[in-house]
């Protein structure tokens, strides 16, 4: 039986120019991807949680 090697992707949020999506990787890791025009930033779960804390602080500023 062949293993599923493609990640399962889900869009979290999207605007005209920006996109955030999550991928459930075949190895069980969840990765998060922040696309800002032609730049994509990839996060592991722990990094994503810290980034969300940073974004929340920016919204309070």
PDB file of N, CA and C in Angstrom:
ATOM      1  N   UNK A   1       0.848  -1.182   0.000  1.00  0.00           N
ATOM      2  CA  UNK A   1       0.000   0.000   0.000  1.00  0.00           C
ATOM      3  C   UNK A   1       0.887   1.236   0.000  1.00  0.00           C
ATOM      4  N   UNK A   2       0.690   2.134  -0.936  1.00  0.00           N
ATOM      5  CA  UNK A   2       1.519   3.334  -1.058  1.00  0.00           C
ATOM      6  C   UNK A   2       1.115   4.354   0.001  1.00  0.00           C
ATOM      7  N   UNK A   3       2.112   5.013   0.566  1.00  0.00           N
ATOM      8  CA  UNK A   3       1.854   6.071   1.534  1.00  0.00           C
ATOM      9  C   UNK A   3       1.465   7.347   0.809  1.00  0.00           C
ATOM     10  N   UNK A   4       0.587   8.126   1.431  1.00  0.00           N
ATOM     11  CA  UNK A   4       0.217   9.428   0.879  1.00  0.00           C
ATOM     12  C   UNK A   4       1.376  10.385   1.139  1.00  0.00           C
ATOM     13  N   UNK A   5       2.057  10.851   0.084  1.00  0.00           N
ATOM     14  CA  UNK A   5       3.220  11.712   0.260  1.00  0.00           C
ATOM     15  C   UNK A   5       2.910  13.186   0.062  1.00  0.00           C
ATOM     16  N   UNK A   6       1.682  13.508  -0.306  1.00  0.00           N
ATOM     17  CA  UNK A   6       1.288  14.902  -0.493  1.00  0.00           C
ATOM     18  C   UNK A   6       0.729  15.460   0.813  1.00  0.00           C
ATOM     19  N   UNK A   7       1.151  16.686   1.189  1.00  0.00           N
ATOM     20  CA  UNK A   7       0.561  17.290   2.390  1.00  0.00           C
ATOM     21  C   UNK A   7      -0.895  17.664   2.141  1.00  0.00           C
ATOM     22  N   UNK A   8      -1.675  17.675   3.206  1.00  0.00           N
ATOM     23  CA  UNK A   8      -3.073  18.103   3.123  1.00  0.00           C
ATOM     24  C   UNK A   8      -3.109  19.571   3.508  1.00  0.00           C
ATOM     25  N   UNK A   9      -3.443  20.433   2.554  1.00  0.00           N
ATOM     26  CA  UNK A   9      -3.392  21.887   2.755  1.00  0.00           C
ATOM     27  C   UNK A   9      -4.781  22.451   3.005  1.00  0.00           C
ATOM     28  N   UNK A  10      -4.822  23.502   3.846  1.00  0.00           N
ATOM     29  CA  UNK A  10      -6.068  24.195   4.159  1.00  0.00           C
ATOM     30  C   UNK A  10      -5.787  25.689   4.267  1.00  0.00           C
ATOM     31  N   UNK A  11      -6.569  26.500   3.572  1.00  0.00           N
ATOM     32  CA  UNK A  11      -6.437  27.950   3.668  1.00  0.00           C
ATOM     33  C   UNK A  11      -7.008  28.419   4.993  1.00  0.00           C
ATOM     34  N   UNK A  12      -6.231  29.255   5.714  1.00  0.00           N
ATOM     35  CA  UNK A  12      -6.671  29.821   6.991  1.00  0.00           C
ATOM     36  C   UNK A  12      -7.300  31.183   6.769  1.00  0.00           C
ATOM     37  N   UNK A  13      -6.629  32.023   5.974  1.00  0.00           N
ATOM     38  CA  UNK A  13      -7.132  33.370   5.682  1.00  0.00           C
ATOM     39  C   UNK A  13      -6.553  33.828   4.351  1.00  0.00           C
ATOM     40  N   UNK A  14      -7.315  34.688   3.659  1.00  0.00           N
ATOM     41  CA  UNK A  14      -6.867  35.144   2.345  1.00  0.00           C
ATOM     42  C   UNK A  14      -7.453  36.514   2.042  1.00  0.00           C
ATOM     43  N   UNK A  15      -6.618  37.380   1.482  1.00  0.00           N
ATOM     44  CA  UNK A  15      -7.072  38.657   0.943  1.00  0.00           C
ATOM     45  C   UNK A  15      -6.635  38.696  -0.513  1.00  0.00           C
ATOM     46  N   UNK A  16      -6.784  39.848  -1.144  1.00  0.00           N
ATOM     47  CA  UNK A  16      -6.396  39.957  -2.547  1.00  0.00           C
ATOM     48  C   UNK A  16      -4.908  39.693  -2.760  1.00  0.00           C
ATOM     49  N   UNK A  17      -4.050  40.122  -1.817  1.00  0.00           N
ATOM     50  CA  UNK A  17      -2.603  40.006  -1.993  1.00  0.00           C
ATOM     51  C   UNK A  17      -1.903  39.071  -1.012  1.00  0.00           C
ATOM     52  N   UNK A  18      -2.611  38.601  -0.001  1.00  0.00           N
ATOM     53  CA  UNK A  18      -1.969  37.810   1.047  1.00  0.00           C
ATOM     54  C   UNK A  18      -2.729  36.513   1.286  1.00  0.00           C
ATOM     55  N   UNK A  19      -1.977  35.507   1.744  1.00  0.00           N
ATOM     56  CA  UNK A  19      -2.576  34.194   1.989  1.00  0.00           C
ATOM     57  C   UNK A  19      -1.856  33.526   3.147  1.00  0.00           C
ATOM     58  N   UNK A  20      -2.625  32.902   4.028  1.00  0.00           N
ATOM     59  CA  UNK A  20      -2.072  32.079   5.093  1.00  0.00           C
ATOM     60  C   UNK A  20      -2.703  30.702   4.957  1.00  0.00           C
ATOM     61  N   UNK A  21      -1.850  29.668   4.925  1.00  0.00           N
ATOM     62  CA  UNK A  21      -2.373  28.317   4.809  1.00  0.00           C
ATOM     63  C   UNK A  21      -1.577  27.359   5.681  1.00  0.00           C
ATOM     64  N   UNK A  22      -2.232  26.246   6.002  1.00  0.00           N
ATOM     65  CA  UNK A  22      -1.642  25.231   6.879  1.00  0.00           C
ATOM     66  C   UNK A  22      -1.535  23.933   6.087  1.00  0.00           C
ATOM     67  N   UNK A  23      -0.465  23.195   6.336  1.00  0.00           N
ATOM     68  CA  UNK A  23      -0.281  21.905   5.682  1.00  0.00           C
ATOM     69  C   UNK A  23      -0.003  20.835   6.724  1.00  0.00           C
ATOM     70  N   UNK A  24      -0.752  19.746   6.627  1.00  0.00           N
ATOM     71  CA  UNK A  24      -0.495  18.565   7.450  1.00  0.00           C
ATOM     72  C   UNK A  24       0.456  17.691   6.632  1.00  0.00           C
ATOM     73  N   UNK A  25       1.707  17.651   7.059  1.00  0.00           N
ATOM     74  CA  UNK A  25       2.734  16.933   6.311  1.00  0.00           C
ATOM     75  C   UNK A  25       2.609  15.425   6.522  1.00  0.00           C
ATOM     76  N   UNK A  26       3.094  14.618   5.584  1.00  0.00           N
ATOM     77  CA  UNK A  26       3.010  13.161   5.708  1.00  0.00           C
ATOM     78  C   UNK A  26       3.708  12.611   6.964  1.00  0.00           C
ATOM     79  N   UNK A  27       4.707  13.344   7.476  1.00  0.00           N
ATOM     80  CA  UNK A  27       5.411  12.865   8.665  1.00  0.00           C
ATOM     81  C   UNK A  27       4.708  13.250   9.967  1.00  0.00           C
ATOM     82  N   UNK A  28       3.523  13.882   9.849  1.00  0.00           N
ATOM     83  CA  UNK A  28       2.755  14.251  11.026  1.00  0.00           C
ATOM     84  C   UNK A  28       2.978  15.673  11.497  1.00  0.00           C
ATOM     85  N   UNK A  29       3.972  16.361  10.958  1.00  0.00           N
ATOM     86  CA  UNK A  29       4.257  17.753  11.320  1.00  0.00           C
ATOM     87  C   UNK A  29       3.245  18.667  10.642  1.00  0.00           C
ATOM     88  N   UNK A  30       2.848  19.717  11.348  1.00  0.00           N
ATOM     89  CA  UNK A  30       1.998  20.751  10.759  1.00  0.00           C
ATOM     90  C   UNK A  30       2.869  21.958  10.464  1.00  0.00           C
ATOM     91  N   UNK A  31       2.779  22.482   9.254  1.00  0.00           N
ATOM     92  CA  UNK A  31       3.516  23.682   8.882  1.00  0.00           C
ATOM     93  C   UNK A  31       2.527  24.763   8.476  1.00  0.00           C
ATOM     94  N   UNK A  32       2.941  26.008   8.682  1.00  0.00           N
ATOM     95  CA  UNK A  32       2.117  27.169   8.356  1.00  0.00           C
ATOM     96  C   UNK A  32       2.888  28.018   7.355  1.00  0.00           C
ATOM     97  N   UNK A  33       2.166  28.621   6.431  1.00  0.00           N
ATOM     98  CA  UNK A  33       2.790  29.351   5.333  1.00  0.00           C
ATOM     99  C   UNK A  33       2.102  30.701   5.190  1.00  0.00           C
ATOM    100  N   UNK A  34       2.899  31.761   5.228  1.00  0.00           N
ATOM    101  CA  UNK A  34       2.417  33.129   5.105  1.00  0.00           C
ATOM    102  C   UNK A  34       2.942  33.671   3.782  1.00  0.00           C
ATOM    103  N   UNK A  35       2.045  33.896   2.823  1.00  0.00           N
ATOM    104  CA  UNK A  35       2.431  34.404   1.500  1.00  0.00           C
ATOM    105  C   UNK A  35       2.097  35.879   1.422  1.00  0.00           C
ATOM    106  N   UNK A  36       3.133  36.687   1.211  1.00  0.00           N
ATOM    107  CA  UNK A  36       2.998  38.142   1.091  1.00  0.00           C
ATOM    108  C   UNK A  36       3.515  38.536  -0.282  1.00  0.00           C
ATOM    109  N   UNK A  37       2.602  38.668  -1.232  1.00  0.00           N
ATOM    110  CA  UNK A  37       2.961  38.909  -2.630  1.00  0.00           C
ATOM    111  C   UNK A  37       3.926  37.833  -3.103  1.00  0.00           C
ATOM    112  N   UNK A  38       5.174  38.159  -3.395  1.00  0.00           N
ATOM    113  CA  UNK A  38       6.104  37.161  -3.934  1.00  0.00           C
ATOM    114  C   UNK A  38       7.023  36.567  -2.871  1.00  0.00           C
ATOM    115  N   UNK A  39       6.729  36.775  -1.591  1.00  0.00           N
ATOM    116  CA  UNK A  39       7.531  36.231  -0.494  1.00  0.00           C
ATOM    117  C   UNK A  39       6.671  35.254   0.298  1.00  0.00           C
ATOM    118  N   UNK A  40       7.219  34.073   0.589  1.00  0.00           N
ATOM    119  CA  UNK A  40       6.534  33.099   1.430  1.00  0.00           C
ATOM    120  C   UNK A  40       7.408  32.796   2.632  1.00  0.00           C
ATOM    121  N   UNK A  41       6.802  32.866   3.823  1.00  0.00           N
ATOM    122  CA  UNK A  41       7.499  32.539   5.065  1.00  0.00           C
ATOM    123  C   UNK A  41       6.889  31.248   5.588  1.00  0.00           C
ATOM    124  N   UNK A  42       7.746  30.281   5.907  1.00  0.00           N
ATOM    125  CA  UNK A  42       7.303  28.976   6.381  1.00  0.00           C
ATOM    126  C   UNK A  42       7.567  28.879   7.883  1.00  0.00           C
ATOM    127  N   UNK A  43       6.597  28.355   8.627  1.00  0.00           N
ATOM    128  CA  UNK A  43       6.700  28.217  10.070  1.00  0.00           C
ATOM    129  C   UNK A  43       6.395  26.786  10.494  1.00  0.00           C
ATOM    130  N   UNK A  44       7.126  26.283  11.475  1.00  0.00           N
ATOM    131  CA  UNK A  44       6.704  25.087  12.184  1.00  0.00           C
ATOM    132  C   UNK A  44       5.724  25.542  13.265  1.00  0.00           C
ATOM    133  N   UNK A  45       5.022  24.639  13.892  1.00  0.00           N
ATOM    134  CA  UNK A  45       3.962  24.986  14.834  1.00  0.00           C
ATOM    135  C   UNK A  45       4.432  25.929  15.934  1.00  0.00           C
ATOM    136  N   UNK A  46       5.570  25.636  16.556  1.00  0.00           N
ATOM    137  CA  UNK A  46       6.066  26.480  17.648  1.00  0.00           C
ATOM    138  C   UNK A  46       6.378  27.898  17.159  1.00  0.00           C
ATOM    139  N   UNK A  47       6.949  27.995  15.978  1.00  0.00           N
ATOM    140  CA  UNK A  47       7.256  29.296  15.389  1.00  0.00           C
ATOM    141  C   UNK A  47       5.975  30.051  15.057  1.00  0.00           C
ATOM    142  N   UNK A  48       4.965  29.343  14.557  1.00  0.00           N
ATOM    143  CA  UNK A  48       3.690  29.959  14.208  1.00  0.00           C
ATOM    144  C   UNK A  48       3.023  30.544  15.444  1.00  0.00           C
ATOM    145  N   UNK A  49       3.047  29.797  16.543  1.00  0.00           N
ATOM    146  CA  UNK A  49       2.446  30.289  17.787  1.00  0.00           C
ATOM    147  C   UNK A  49       3.141  31.569  18.251  1.00  0.00           C
ATOM    148  N   UNK A  50       4.461  31.613  18.161  1.00  0.00           N
ATOM    149  CA  UNK A  50       5.192  32.819  18.545  1.00  0.00           C
ATOM    150  C   UNK A  50       4.879  33.982  17.597  1.00  0.00           C
ATOM    151  N   UNK A  51       4.755  33.701  16.307  1.00  0.00           N
ATOM    152  CA  UNK A  51       4.413  34.746  15.343  1.00  0.00           C
ATOM    153  C   UNK A  51       3.035  35.337  15.645  1.00  0.00           C
ATOM    154  N   UNK A  52       2.078  34.482  16.015  1.00  0.00           N
ATOM    155  CA  UNK A  52       0.741  34.983  16.364  1.00  0.00           C
ATOM    156  C   UNK A  52       0.807  35.888  17.595  1.00  0.00           C
ATOM    157  N   UNK A  53       1.655  35.557  18.562  1.00  0.00           N
ATOM    158  CA  UNK A  53       1.845  36.427  19.730  1.00  0.00           C
ATOM    159  C   UNK A  53       2.396  37.788  19.296  1.00  0.00           C
ATOM    160  N   UNK A  54       3.361  37.771  18.389  1.00  0.00           N
ATOM    161  CA  UNK A  54       3.929  39.008  17.864  1.00  0.00           C
ATOM    162  C   UNK A  54       2.873  39.842  17.149  1.00  0.00           C
ATOM    163  N   UNK A  55       2.059  39.202  16.307  1.00  0.00           N
ATOM    164  CA  UNK A  55       1.009  39.916  15.577  1.00  0.00           C
ATOM    165  C   UNK A  55       0.002  40.526  16.550  1.00  0.00           C
ATOM    166  N   UNK A  56      -0.336  39.820  17.616  1.00  0.00           N
ATOM    167  CA  UNK A  56      -1.269  40.348  18.605  1.00  0.00           C
ATOM    168  C   UNK A  56      -0.685  41.583  19.284  1.00  0.00           C
ATOM    169  N   UNK A  57       0.607  41.559  19.578  1.00  0.00           N
ATOM    170  CA  UNK A  57       1.259  42.721  20.173  1.00  0.00           C
ATOM    171  C   UNK A  57       1.253  43.910  19.215  1.00  0.00           C
ATOM    172  N   UNK A  58       1.453  43.640  17.935  1.00  0.00           N
ATOM    173  CA  UNK A  58       1.417  44.719  16.937  1.00  0.00           C
ATOM    174  C   UNK A  58       0.031  45.356  16.858  1.00  0.00           C
ATOM    175  N   UNK A  59      -1.005  44.566  16.996  1.00  0.00           N
ATOM    176  CA  UNK A  59      -2.372  45.084  16.918  1.00  0.00           C
ATOM    177  C   UNK A  59      -2.693  45.974  18.119  1.00  0.00           C
ATOM    178  N   UNK A  60      -2.023  45.741  19.237  1.00  0.00           N
ATOM    179  CA  UNK A  60      -2.228  46.552  20.440  1.00  0.00           C
ATOM    180  C   UNK A  60      -1.450  47.861  20.372  1.00  0.00           C
ATOM    181  N   UNK A  61      -0.431  47.934  19.527  1.00  0.00           N
ATOM    182  CA  UNK A  61       0.442  49.110  19.460  1.00  0.00           C
ATOM    183  C   UNK A  61      -0.253  50.295  18.828  1.00  0.00           C
TER     184      UNK A  61
END
